[in-house]
Amino acid sequence: MTTLLLTLLLTLSQSLAPGARPLPPPLVVARWWDPPPTPYAAGHRGVDLAAPAGARIRAVGPGRVHFAGPVAGRGVLSLTLPGGLRTTYEPVRPLVTEGEEVSTGQVVAVLTEGTHCGGPCLHWGLLSGTAYLNPLTLLPRPTPRLLPNQP
């Protein structure tokens, strides 16, 4: 039973961590994820990553383009990942079309000017159904390294 549970947890964690960053490192968080206390309350349903307009946006995992187009005057891209998670990117100029398959790390959009942040930024979101999640949980985990003993 323990082996089955560990295998299930490992498989689930691998499907939740696609392994690519939407922007090249270092990622600079301009505004952190701040989920609302209730579905209709104020909150920040994603993270804002500082980046210059024109930055190339990459798919954080393999999937299919759910939506690519304008919403309320700004470009939005939404990708459905394996397991049904959906990532969103805005304001962008999508380079892919609805229904298209994408691979991890593929350039899928270009960051455009927007008014969401004080400066240029990518608003990056993550949904499971209608529930917003912290998209930073999709980032690859650092590999721990042991340092040699120091005298």
Protein backbone atom coordinates (compact mmCIF):
# COMPACT_ATOMS: atom_id res chain seq x y z
CA MET A 1 0.00 0.00 0.00
CA THR A 2 2.82 2.42 0.87
CA THR A 3 4.56 1.76 -2.45
CA LEU A 4 1.33 2.40 -4.34
CA LEU A 5 0.76 5.66 -2.47
CA LEU A 6 4.34 6.85 -3.06
CA THR A 7 4.10 5.99 -6.77
CA LEU A 8 0.82 7.91 -7.03
CA LEU A 9 2.28 10.96 -5.26
CA LEU A 10 5.39 10.91 -7.46
CA THR A 11 3.29 10.68 -10.63
CA LEU A 12 1.00 13.49 -9.45
CA SER A 13 3.92 15.74 -8.51
CA GLN A 14 5.53 15.19 -11.91
CA SER A 15 2.30 16.10 -13.68
CA LEU A 16 1.97 19.27 -11.57
CA ALA A 17 5.53 20.39 -12.24
CA PRO A 18 5.88 20.63 -16.01
CA GLY A 19 9.42 21.93 -15.77
CA ALA A 20 9.83 25.15 -17.76
CA ARG A 21 9.70 28.82 -16.85
CA PRO A 22 7.43 31.21 -18.74
CA LEU A 23 10.32 33.72 -18.90
CA PRO A 24 14.08 33.27 -18.75
CA PRO A 25 15.69 33.38 -15.31
CA PRO A 26 15.93 35.17 -13.06
CA LEU A 27 12.21 35.50 -12.53
CA VAL A 28 11.36 38.74 -10.76
CA VAL A 29 8.00 38.65 -9.00
CA ALA A 30 6.43 42.12 -9.12
CA ARG A 31 3.29 40.95 -7.32
CA TRP A 32 2.70 37.65 -5.54
CA TRP A 33 -0.30 35.35 -5.71
CA ASP A 34 -2.89 36.50 -3.16
CA PRO A 35 -5.97 34.30 -3.38
CA PRO A 36 -9.28 35.84 -2.38
CA PRO A 37 -11.02 34.54 0.76
CA THR A 38 -14.15 33.77 -1.30
CA PRO A 39 -14.63 33.21 -5.06
CA TYR A 40 -15.98 36.73 -5.68
CA ALA A 41 -13.81 38.71 -3.25
CA ALA A 42 -10.84 40.88 -4.18
CA GLY A 43 -7.50 39.15 -4.57
CA HIS A 44 -4.70 38.53 -7.01
CA ARG A 45 -5.42 35.33 -8.91
CA GLY A 46 -1.93 34.85 -10.37
CA VAL A 47 1.57 36.30 -10.16
CA ASP A 48 3.04 39.25 -11.99
CA LEU A 49 6.52 38.66 -13.38
CA ALA A 50 8.53 41.74 -14.35
CA ALA A 51 9.72 41.59 -17.95
CA PRO A 52 10.16 44.01 -20.83
CA ALA A 53 7.61 44.30 -23.60
CA GLY A 54 8.75 42.01 -26.39
CA ALA A 55 9.91 39.26 -24.02
CA ARG A 56 9.30 35.77 -25.41
CA ILE A 57 6.83 33.74 -23.35
CA ARG A 58 7.34 29.96 -23.14
CA ALA A 59 4.91 27.14 -22.40
CA VAL A 60 5.56 25.80 -18.90
CA GLY A 61 4.55 22.32 -19.99
CA PRO A 62 3.16 20.33 -22.88
CA GLY A 63 -0.45 20.89 -23.75
CA ARG A 64 -3.00 22.37 -26.09
CA VAL A 65 -3.97 25.99 -26.72
CA HIS A 66 -7.32 26.51 -24.99
CA PHE A 67 -7.71 30.18 -26.00
CA ALA A 68 -5.63 32.73 -27.88
CA GLY A 69 -7.03 36.18 -28.51
CA PRO A 70 -8.20 39.49 -27.07
CA VAL A 71 -10.13 39.82 -23.81
CA ALA A 72 -11.17 43.30 -22.63
CA GLY A 73 -8.68 44.95 -24.96
CA ARG A 74 -5.61 42.88 -24.11
CA GLY A 75 -4.13 39.71 -25.60
CA VAL A 76 -4.62 36.53 -23.56
CA LEU A 77 -3.26 33.02 -24.02
CA SER A 78 -4.55 29.98 -22.14
CA LEU A 79 -2.95 26.52 -22.34
CA THR A 80 -4.47 23.27 -21.05
CA LEU A 81 -1.80 21.01 -19.54
CA PRO A 82 -1.99 17.25 -18.92
CA GLY A 83 -4.33 16.51 -16.03
CA GLY A 84 -6.60 19.44 -16.91
CA LEU A 85 -4.63 22.31 -15.34
CA ARG A 86 -4.82 25.53 -17.34
CA THR A 87 -2.20 28.29 -17.42
CA THR A 88 -2.96 31.83 -18.55
CA TYR A 89 -0.64 34.56 -19.81
CA GLU A 90 -1.45 38.24 -20.37
CA PRO A 91 -0.94 40.82 -21.89
CA VAL A 92 0.54 38.94 -24.83
CA ARG A 93 0.49 38.59 -28.58
CA PRO A 94 -0.12 34.85 -29.04
CA LEU A 95 2.07 33.06 -31.57
CA VAL A 96 -0.10 29.93 -31.48
CA THR A 97 -3.74 29.28 -32.34
CA GLU A 98 -6.63 27.65 -30.51
CA GLY A 99 -6.40 23.86 -30.57
CA GLU A 100 -2.68 23.79 -31.43
CA GLU A 101 -0.44 21.37 -29.52
CA VAL A 102 2.53 22.97 -27.72
CA SER A 103 5.61 21.50 -26.11
CA THR A 104 7.44 22.38 -22.91
CA GLY A 105 9.60 25.46 -23.42
CA GLN A 106 8.08 26.35 -26.79
CA VAL A 107 7.79 30.10 -27.41
CA VAL A 108 4.02 30.65 -27.49
CA ALA A 109 3.63 34.43 -27.17
CA VAL A 110 5.33 37.80 -26.97
CA LEU A 111 4.75 40.12 -24.01
CA THR A 112 2.99 43.36 -24.94
CA GLU A 113 2.43 46.64 -23.10
CA GLY A 114 -0.29 46.56 -20.47
CA THR A 115 -1.71 48.50 -17.55
CA HIS A 116 -1.92 45.67 -15.01
CA CYS A 117 1.41 46.55 -13.33
CA GLY A 118 3.25 49.77 -12.70
CA GLY A 119 5.80 48.65 -15.32
CA PRO A 120 5.85 45.96 -17.97
CA CYS A 121 4.94 42.55 -16.58
CA LEU A 122 3.49 39.17 -17.40
CA HIS A 123 0.39 38.23 -15.43
CA TRP A 124 0.65 34.43 -15.14
CA GLY A 125 -2.27 32.40 -13.80
CA LEU A 126 -3.08 28.77 -13.04
CA LEU A 127 -6.51 27.17 -12.80
CA SER A 128 -7.87 23.78 -11.87
CA GLY A 129 -11.45 23.87 -13.07
CA THR A 130 -12.67 27.20 -11.71
CA ALA A 131 -10.26 27.26 -8.74
CA TYR A 132 -7.22 29.53 -9.04
CA LEU A 133 -3.91 28.10 -7.84
CA ASN A 134 -0.45 29.55 -7.33
CA PRO A 135 1.33 29.23 -10.70
CA LEU A 136 4.75 29.34 -9.00
CA THR A 137 4.10 25.72 -7.96
CA LEU A 138 4.69 24.78 -11.61
CA LEU A 139 8.29 25.99 -11.60
CA PRO A 140 11.03 23.38 -11.61
CA ARG A 141 12.32 22.66 -8.16
CA PRO A 142 15.99 23.42 -7.50
CA THR A 143 18.25 20.42 -7.10
CA PRO A 144 19.71 20.36 -3.58
CA ARG A 145 23.47 20.07 -3.46
CA LEU A 146 25.60 19.19 -0.46
CA LEU A 147 28.59 21.39 0.19
CA PRO A 148 31.88 19.82 1.29
CA ASN A 149 32.70 19.98 4.99
CA GLN A 150 34.64 23.09 5.88
CA PRO A 151 37.34 22.86 8.58
